[in-house]
Amino acid sequence: MAKFLKAILFEPSLLMPHVSTDLNAIDFNALKRAGVRAVVFDKDNTLTFPDAPTLDDSIKASLETCKSVFGDKVAVLSNSVGSRRDPKPHLQADAFEQESGISVIRYSGQKPFDGFDEAAALLGCKGSEMAIVGDRVMTDVLFGNRNGMLTFLVRPITDQGEGPFVPKLRAAENFFLHRMAWLNRAPPP
């Protein structure tokens, strides 16, 4: 929690996404031409309904395009599958890999402060060569910006099923983003 508060107070630009959009609007070919070599996705409410084991139909075509452009340089870094919430032998991660055809990064912590070394090793890239796509400012965007990645904040698939605190956190994230935009704050380069 101290690291998170430090980011908000002393490095608020780390919470600013480079791009806010719908996942289906991302031009993966343009990303590749711009020098991005790998794409990391959040899972819950980015690729699936919260805690669901299967891909949401609304993003399947875009995900297939991403996989065709980036090949095996596409992975999932989630705070559910592959993380400490999915204890070894990571059965949920294995099942999601079978379902999606995407590698799940296994790590022992939680975003936004853990998982980068594992992602870089799996994908064979530096942070500046990766993009992250996720629906949360406090996890996905902060993680990506801390590690020099291009950050995409996408609209969540649903506003249902995330637990009682997530709507309040999303409201706080949205307030923060609007406030930072009003102050002309930009994400890190």
C-alpha atoms as a PDB file:
ATOM      1  CA  MET A   1       0.000   0.000   0.000  1.00  0.00           C
ATOM      2  CA  ALA A   2       2.882   2.363   0.739  1.00  0.00           C
ATOM      3  CA  LYS A   3       4.252   1.947  -2.807  1.00  0.00           C
ATOM      4  CA  PHE A   4       0.832   2.720  -4.251  1.00  0.00           C
ATOM      5  CA  LEU A   5       0.388   5.855  -2.137  1.00  0.00           C
ATOM      6  CA  LYS A   6       3.894   6.970  -3.106  1.00  0.00           C
ATOM      7  CA  ALA A   7       2.942   6.657  -6.772  1.00  0.00           C
ATOM      8  CA  ILE A   8      -0.226   8.725  -6.313  1.00  0.00           C
ATOM      9  CA  LEU A   9       1.475  11.433  -4.269  1.00  0.00           C
ATOM     10  CA  PHE A  10       4.880  11.705  -5.903  1.00  0.00           C
ATOM     11  CA  GLU A  11       4.517  10.172  -9.381  1.00  0.00           C
ATOM     12  CA  PRO A  12       0.898  10.706 -10.484  1.00  0.00           C
ATOM     13  CA  SER A  13       1.874  10.468 -14.153  1.00  0.00           C
ATOM     14  CA  LEU A  14       2.406   6.723 -13.573  1.00  0.00           C
ATOM     15  CA  LEU A  15      -1.378   6.420 -13.301  1.00  0.00           C
ATOM     16  CA  MET A  16      -2.046   8.097 -16.658  1.00  0.00           C
ATOM     17  CA  PRO A  17      -2.588   5.715 -19.593  1.00  0.00           C
ATOM     18  CA  HIS A  18      -0.974   6.490 -22.932  1.00  0.00           C
ATOM     19  CA  VAL A  19      -4.219   5.485 -24.681  1.00  0.00           C
ATOM     20  CA  SER A  20      -7.800   5.081 -23.415  1.00  0.00           C
ATOM     21  CA  THR A  21      -9.960   3.116 -25.833  1.00  0.00           C
ATOM     22  CA  ASP A  22     -12.023   0.036 -26.498  1.00  0.00           C
ATOM     23  CA  LEU A  23      -9.979  -3.141 -26.910  1.00  0.00           C
ATOM     24  CA  ASN A  24     -11.534  -3.689 -30.334  1.00  0.00           C
ATOM     25  CA  ALA A  25     -10.246  -0.285 -31.502  1.00  0.00           C
ATOM     26  CA  ILE A  26      -6.554  -1.095 -30.952  1.00  0.00           C
ATOM     27  CA  ASP A  27      -4.631  -1.307 -34.221  1.00  0.00           C
ATOM     28  CA  PHE A  28      -2.161  -4.099 -33.488  1.00  0.00           C
ATOM     29  CA  ASN A  29      -0.508  -3.746 -36.903  1.00  0.00           C
ATOM     30  CA  ALA A  30       0.233  -0.088 -36.147  1.00  0.00           C
ATOM     31  CA  LEU A  31       1.681  -1.072 -32.761  1.00  0.00           C
ATOM     32  CA  LYS A  32       4.021  -3.529 -34.457  1.00  0.00           C
ATOM     33  CA  ARG A  33       5.089  -0.888 -37.008  1.00  0.00           C
ATOM     34  CA  ALA A  34       5.755   1.533 -34.126  1.00  0.00           C
ATOM     35  CA  GLY A  35       8.250  -0.882 -32.575  1.00  0.00           C
ATOM     36  CA  VAL A  36       6.145  -2.776 -30.045  1.00  0.00           C
ATOM     37  CA  ARG A  37       7.387  -6.382 -29.971  1.00  0.00           C
ATOM     38  CA  ALA A  38       5.029  -7.911 -27.383  1.00  0.00           C
ATOM     39  CA  VAL A  39       1.578  -7.362 -25.890  1.00  0.00           C
ATOM     40  CA  VAL A  40       0.565  -8.225 -22.337  1.00  0.00           C
ATOM     41  CA  PHE A  41      -3.127  -8.417 -21.473  1.00  0.00           C
ATOM     42  CA  ASP A  42      -4.917  -8.320 -18.177  1.00  0.00           C
ATOM     43  CA  LYS A  43      -7.493 -11.123 -17.995  1.00  0.00           C
ATOM     44  CA  ASP A  44     -10.488 -10.218 -15.836  1.00  0.00           C
ATOM     45  CA  ASN A  45     -12.810  -7.663 -17.437  1.00  0.00           C
ATOM     46  CA  THR A  46     -10.346  -7.188 -20.295  1.00  0.00           C
ATOM     47  CA  LEU A  47     -10.500 -10.591 -22.006  1.00  0.00           C
ATOM     48  CA  THR A  48     -13.105 -12.334 -19.842  1.00  0.00           C
ATOM     49  CA  PHE A  49     -15.939 -11.541 -17.492  1.00  0.00           C
ATOM     50  CA  PRO A  50     -14.566 -11.246 -13.931  1.00  0.00           C
ATOM     51  CA  ASP A  51     -13.161 -14.605 -12.775  1.00  0.00           C
ATOM     52  CA  ALA A  52     -14.603 -16.376 -15.835  1.00  0.00           C
ATOM     53  CA  PRO A  53     -12.482 -19.119 -17.425  1.00  0.00           C
ATOM     54  CA  THR A  54     -13.440 -18.351 -21.044  1.00  0.00           C
ATOM     55  CA  LEU A  55     -12.824 -15.486 -23.439  1.00  0.00           C
ATOM     56  CA  ASP A  56     -15.656 -13.046 -24.009  1.00  0.00           C
ATOM     57  CA  ASP A  57     -17.054 -13.255 -27.537  1.00  0.00           C
ATOM     58  CA  SER A  58     -16.848  -9.463 -27.942  1.00  0.00           C
ATOM     59  CA  ILE A  59     -13.019  -9.453 -27.996  1.00  0.00           C
ATOM     60  CA  LYS A  60     -12.205 -12.729 -29.747  1.00  0.00           C
ATOM     61  CA  ALA A  61     -11.637 -11.243 -33.223  1.00  0.00           C
ATOM     62  CA  SER A  62      -9.321  -8.527 -31.897  1.00  0.00           C
ATOM     63  CA  LEU A  63      -7.393 -11.022 -29.825  1.00  0.00           C
ATOM     64  CA  GLU A  64      -6.941 -13.261 -32.869  1.00  0.00           C
ATOM     65  CA  THR A  65      -5.646 -10.263 -34.829  1.00  0.00           C
ATOM     66  CA  CYS A  66      -3.176  -9.501 -32.042  1.00  0.00           C
ATOM     67  CA  LYS A  67      -1.978 -13.112 -32.001  1.00  0.00           C
ATOM     68  CA  SER A  68      -1.539 -13.132 -35.779  1.00  0.00           C
ATOM     69  CA  VAL A  69       0.530  -9.922 -35.615  1.00  0.00           C
ATOM     70  CA  PHE A  70       2.658 -10.726 -32.557  1.00  0.00           C
ATOM     71  CA  GLY A  71       2.736 -14.534 -32.637  1.00  0.00           C
ATOM     72  CA  ASP A  72       4.014 -16.015 -29.379  1.00  0.00           C
ATOM     73  CA  LYS A  73       4.802 -12.539 -28.001  1.00  0.00           C
ATOM     74  CA  VAL A  74       1.298 -12.238 -26.524  1.00  0.00           C
ATOM     75  CA  ALA A  75       0.700 -13.135 -22.873  1.00  0.00           C
ATOM     76  CA  VAL A  76      -1.637 -12.633 -19.936  1.00  0.00           C
ATOM     77  CA  LEU A  77      -0.519 -11.135 -16.621  1.00  0.00           C
ATOM     78  CA  SER A  78      -3.409 -11.448 -14.217  1.00  0.00           C
ATOM     79  CA  ASN A  79      -4.020 -11.005 -10.518  1.00  0.00           C
ATOM     80  CA  SER A  80      -6.160 -14.144 -10.710  1.00  0.00           C
ATOM     81  CA  VAL A  81      -4.731 -16.847 -13.006  1.00  0.00           C
ATOM     82  CA  GLY A  82      -0.988 -17.429 -12.716  1.00  0.00           C
ATOM     83  CA  SER A  83      -0.619 -15.258  -9.601  1.00  0.00           C
ATOM     84  CA  ARG A  84      -0.580 -16.039  -5.901  1.00  0.00           C
ATOM     85  CA  ARG A  85      -4.401 -16.367  -6.111  1.00  0.00           C
ATOM     86  CA  ASP A  86      -3.831 -19.396  -8.388  1.00  0.00           C
ATOM     87  CA  PRO A  87      -1.467 -21.501  -6.269  1.00  0.00           C
ATOM     88  CA  LYS A  88       0.998 -23.900  -7.822  1.00  0.00           C
ATOM     89  CA  PRO A  89       0.624 -25.903  -9.961  1.00  0.00           C
ATOM     90  CA  HIS A  90      -1.422 -23.010 -11.442  1.00  0.00           C
ATOM     91  CA  LEU A  91      -4.292 -25.138 -12.708  1.00  0.00           C
ATOM     92  CA  GLN A  92      -6.399 -22.091 -13.586  1.00  0.00           C
ATOM     93  CA  ALA A  93      -3.532 -20.705 -15.678  1.00  0.00           C
ATOM     94  CA  ASP A  94      -3.177 -24.023 -17.488  1.00  0.00           C
ATOM     95  CA  ALA A  95      -6.909 -24.101 -18.238  1.00  0.00           C
ATOM     96  CA  PHE A  96      -6.910 -20.508 -19.508  1.00  0.00           C
ATOM     97  CA  GLU A  97      -3.942 -21.200 -21.778  1.00  0.00           C
ATOM     98  CA  GLN A  98      -5.833 -24.126 -23.285  1.00  0.00           C
ATOM     99  CA  GLU A  99      -8.948 -21.991 -23.755  1.00  0.00           C
ATOM    100  CA  SER A 100      -7.247 -18.904 -25.200  1.00  0.00           C
ATOM    101  CA  GLY A 101      -4.054 -20.103 -26.841  1.00  0.00           C
ATOM    102  CA  ILE A 102      -2.167 -17.405 -24.919  1.00  0.00           C
ATOM    103  CA  SER A 103       0.628 -17.939 -22.401  1.00  0.00           C
ATOM    104  CA  VAL A 104      -0.154 -16.990 -18.822  1.00  0.00           C
ATOM    105  CA  ILE A 105       2.733 -15.448 -16.896  1.00  0.00           C
ATOM    106  CA  ARG A 106       3.259 -17.229 -13.578  1.00  0.00           C
ATOM    107  CA  TYR A 107       4.438 -15.095 -10.689  1.00  0.00           C
ATOM    108  CA  SER A 108       4.173 -15.127  -6.922  1.00  0.00           C
ATOM    109  CA  GLY A 109       2.901 -11.622  -6.287  1.00  0.00           C
ATOM    110  CA  GLN A 110       0.271  -9.164  -7.480  1.00  0.00           C
ATOM    111  CA  LYS A 111       0.242  -6.312 -10.009  1.00  0.00           C
ATOM    112  CA  PRO A 112       1.143  -3.485 -10.053  1.00  0.00           C
ATOM    113  CA  PHE A 113       4.410  -4.192  -8.235  1.00  0.00           C
ATOM    114  CA  ASP A 114       5.195  -7.777  -9.205  1.00  0.00           C
ATOM    115  CA  GLY A 115       5.408  -9.812 -12.397  1.00  0.00           C
ATOM    116  CA  PHE A 116       7.546  -7.696 -14.704  1.00  0.00           C
ATOM    117  CA  ASP A 117      10.680  -9.843 -14.546  1.00  0.00           C
ATOM    118  CA  GLU A 118       8.618 -12.919 -15.352  1.00  0.00           C
ATOM    119  CA  ALA A 119       6.879 -11.139 -18.255  1.00  0.00           C
ATOM    120  CA  ALA A 120      10.166  -9.869 -19.694  1.00  0.00           C
ATOM    121  CA  ALA A 121      11.726 -13.334 -19.431  1.00  0.00           C
ATOM    122  CA  LEU A 122       8.769 -15.079 -21.063  1.00  0.00           C
ATOM    123  CA  LEU A 123       8.446 -12.565 -23.893  1.00  0.00           C
ATOM    124  CA  GLY A 124      12.154 -11.819 -24.353  1.00  0.00           C
ATOM    125  CA  CYS A 125      11.577  -8.061 -24.404  1.00  0.00           C
ATOM    126  CA  LYS A 126      12.395  -4.914 -22.475  1.00  0.00           C
ATOM    127  CA  GLY A 127       9.565  -2.834 -21.055  1.00  0.00           C
ATOM    128  CA  SER A 128       9.978  -0.227 -23.790  1.00  0.00           C
ATOM    129  CA  GLU A 129       9.235  -2.947 -26.359  1.00  0.00           C
ATOM    130  CA  MET A 130       5.965  -4.042 -24.719  1.00  0.00           C
ATOM    131  CA  ALA A 131       2.406  -2.763 -24.502  1.00  0.00           C
ATOM    132  CA  ILE A 132      -0.028  -3.641 -21.737  1.00  0.00           C
ATOM    133  CA  VAL A 133      -3.787  -3.699 -22.238  1.00  0.00           C
ATOM    134  CA  GLY A 134      -6.038  -3.655 -19.188  1.00  0.00           C
ATOM    135  CA  ASP A 135      -9.123  -2.174 -17.588  1.00  0.00           C
ATOM    136  CA  ARG A 136      -7.692  -0.845 -14.316  1.00  0.00           C
ATOM    137  CA  VAL A 137      -5.628   2.258 -13.633  1.00  0.00           C
ATOM    138  CA  MET A 138      -4.382   1.130 -10.228  1.00  0.00           C
ATOM    139  CA  THR A 139      -3.063  -2.193 -11.475  1.00  0.00           C
ATOM    140  CA  ASP A 140      -2.573  -2.422 -15.247  1.00  0.00           C
ATOM    141  CA  VAL A 141      -1.668   1.188 -16.079  1.00  0.00           C
ATOM    142  CA  LEU A 142       0.518   1.649 -13.004  1.00  0.00           C
ATOM    143  CA  PHE A 143       2.280  -1.658 -13.716  1.00  0.00           C
ATOM    144  CA  GLY A 144       2.948  -0.743 -17.335  1.00  0.00           C
ATOM    145  CA  ASN A 145       4.145   2.783 -16.678  1.00  0.00           C
ATOM    146  CA  ARG A 146       6.411   1.682 -13.815  1.00  0.00           C
ATOM    147  CA  ASN A 147       8.086  -0.683 -16.252  1.00  0.00           C
ATOM    148  CA  GLY A 148       8.364   1.591 -19.297  1.00  0.00           C
ATOM    149  CA  MET A 149       5.561  -0.050 -21.281  1.00  0.00           C
ATOM    150  CA  LEU A 150       3.036   1.542 -23.613  1.00  0.00           C
ATOM    151  CA  THR A 151      -0.219   1.504 -21.618  1.00  0.00           C
ATOM    152  CA  PHE A 152      -3.751   0.984 -22.927  1.00  0.00           C
ATOM    153  CA  LEU A 153      -6.683   1.521 -20.590  1.00  0.00           C
ATOM    154  CA  VAL A 154      -9.685  -0.246 -22.107  1.00  0.00           C
ATOM    155  CA  ARG A 155     -13.333  -0.163 -21.184  1.00  0.00           C
ATOM    156  CA  PRO A 156     -14.258  -3.083 -18.940  1.00  0.00           C
ATOM    157  CA  ILE A 157     -16.363  -5.841 -20.464  1.00  0.00           C
ATOM    158  CA  THR A 158     -18.974  -5.480 -17.710  1.00  0.00           C
ATOM    159  CA  ASP A 159     -19.728  -3.572 -14.540  1.00  0.00           C
ATOM    160  CA  GLN A 160     -21.115  -6.716 -12.900  1.00  0.00           C
ATOM    161  CA  GLY A 161     -19.469  -9.388 -10.763  1.00  0.00           C
ATOM    162  CA  GLU A 162     -16.309  -7.664  -9.589  1.00  0.00           C
ATOM    163  CA  GLY A 163     -17.055  -7.402  -5.898  1.00  0.00           C
ATOM    164  CA  PRO A 164     -18.290  -4.579  -3.704  1.00  0.00           C
ATOM    165  CA  PHE A 165     -15.195  -2.355  -3.737  1.00  0.00           C
ATOM    166  CA  VAL A 166     -14.369  -2.292  -7.451  1.00  0.00           C
ATOM    167  CA  PRO A 167     -17.109   0.195  -8.473  1.00  0.00           C
ATOM    168  CA  LYS A 168     -15.811   2.601  -5.814  1.00  0.00           C
ATOM    169  CA  LEU A 169     -12.232   2.096  -6.981  1.00  0.00           C
ATOM    170  CA  ARG A 170     -13.243   2.674 -10.608  1.00  0.00           C
ATOM    171  CA  ALA A 171     -15.013   5.883  -9.601  1.00  0.00           C
ATOM    172  CA  ALA A 172     -11.874   7.046  -7.787  1.00  0.00           C
ATOM    173  CA  GLU A 173      -9.726   6.110 -10.804  1.00  0.00           C
ATOM    174  CA  ASN A 174     -12.034   8.045 -13.161  1.00  0.00           C
ATOM    175  CA  PHE A 175     -12.040  11.081 -10.871  1.00  0.00           C
ATOM    176  CA  PHE A 176      -8.241  10.953 -10.729  1.00  0.00           C
ATOM    177  CA  LEU A 177      -7.912  10.657 -14.532  1.00  0.00           C
ATOM    178  CA  HIS A 178     -10.245  13.593 -15.124  1.00  0.00           C
ATOM    179  CA  ARG A 179      -8.392  15.657 -12.535  1.00  0.00           C
ATOM    180  CA  MET A 180      -5.006  14.850 -14.061  1.00  0.00           C
ATOM    181  CA  ALA A 181      -6.291  15.660 -17.562  1.00  0.00           C
ATOM    182  CA  TRP A 182      -7.635  18.971 -16.265  1.00  0.00           C
ATOM    183  CA  LEU A 183      -4.153  19.684 -14.870  1.00  0.00           C
ATOM    184  CA  ASN A 184      -2.624  18.722 -18.250  1.00  0.00           C
ATOM    185  CA  ARG A 185      -0.706  15.802 -16.738  1.00  0.00           C
ATOM    186  CA  ALA A 186       0.594  13.274 -19.225  1.00  0.00           C
ATOM    187  CA  PRO A 187       1.785   9.702 -18.886  1.00  0.00           C
ATOM    188  CA  PRO A 188       5.511   9.077 -18.790  1.00  0.00           C
ATOM    189  CA  PRO A 189       7.215   9.003 -22.197  1.00  0.00           C
END
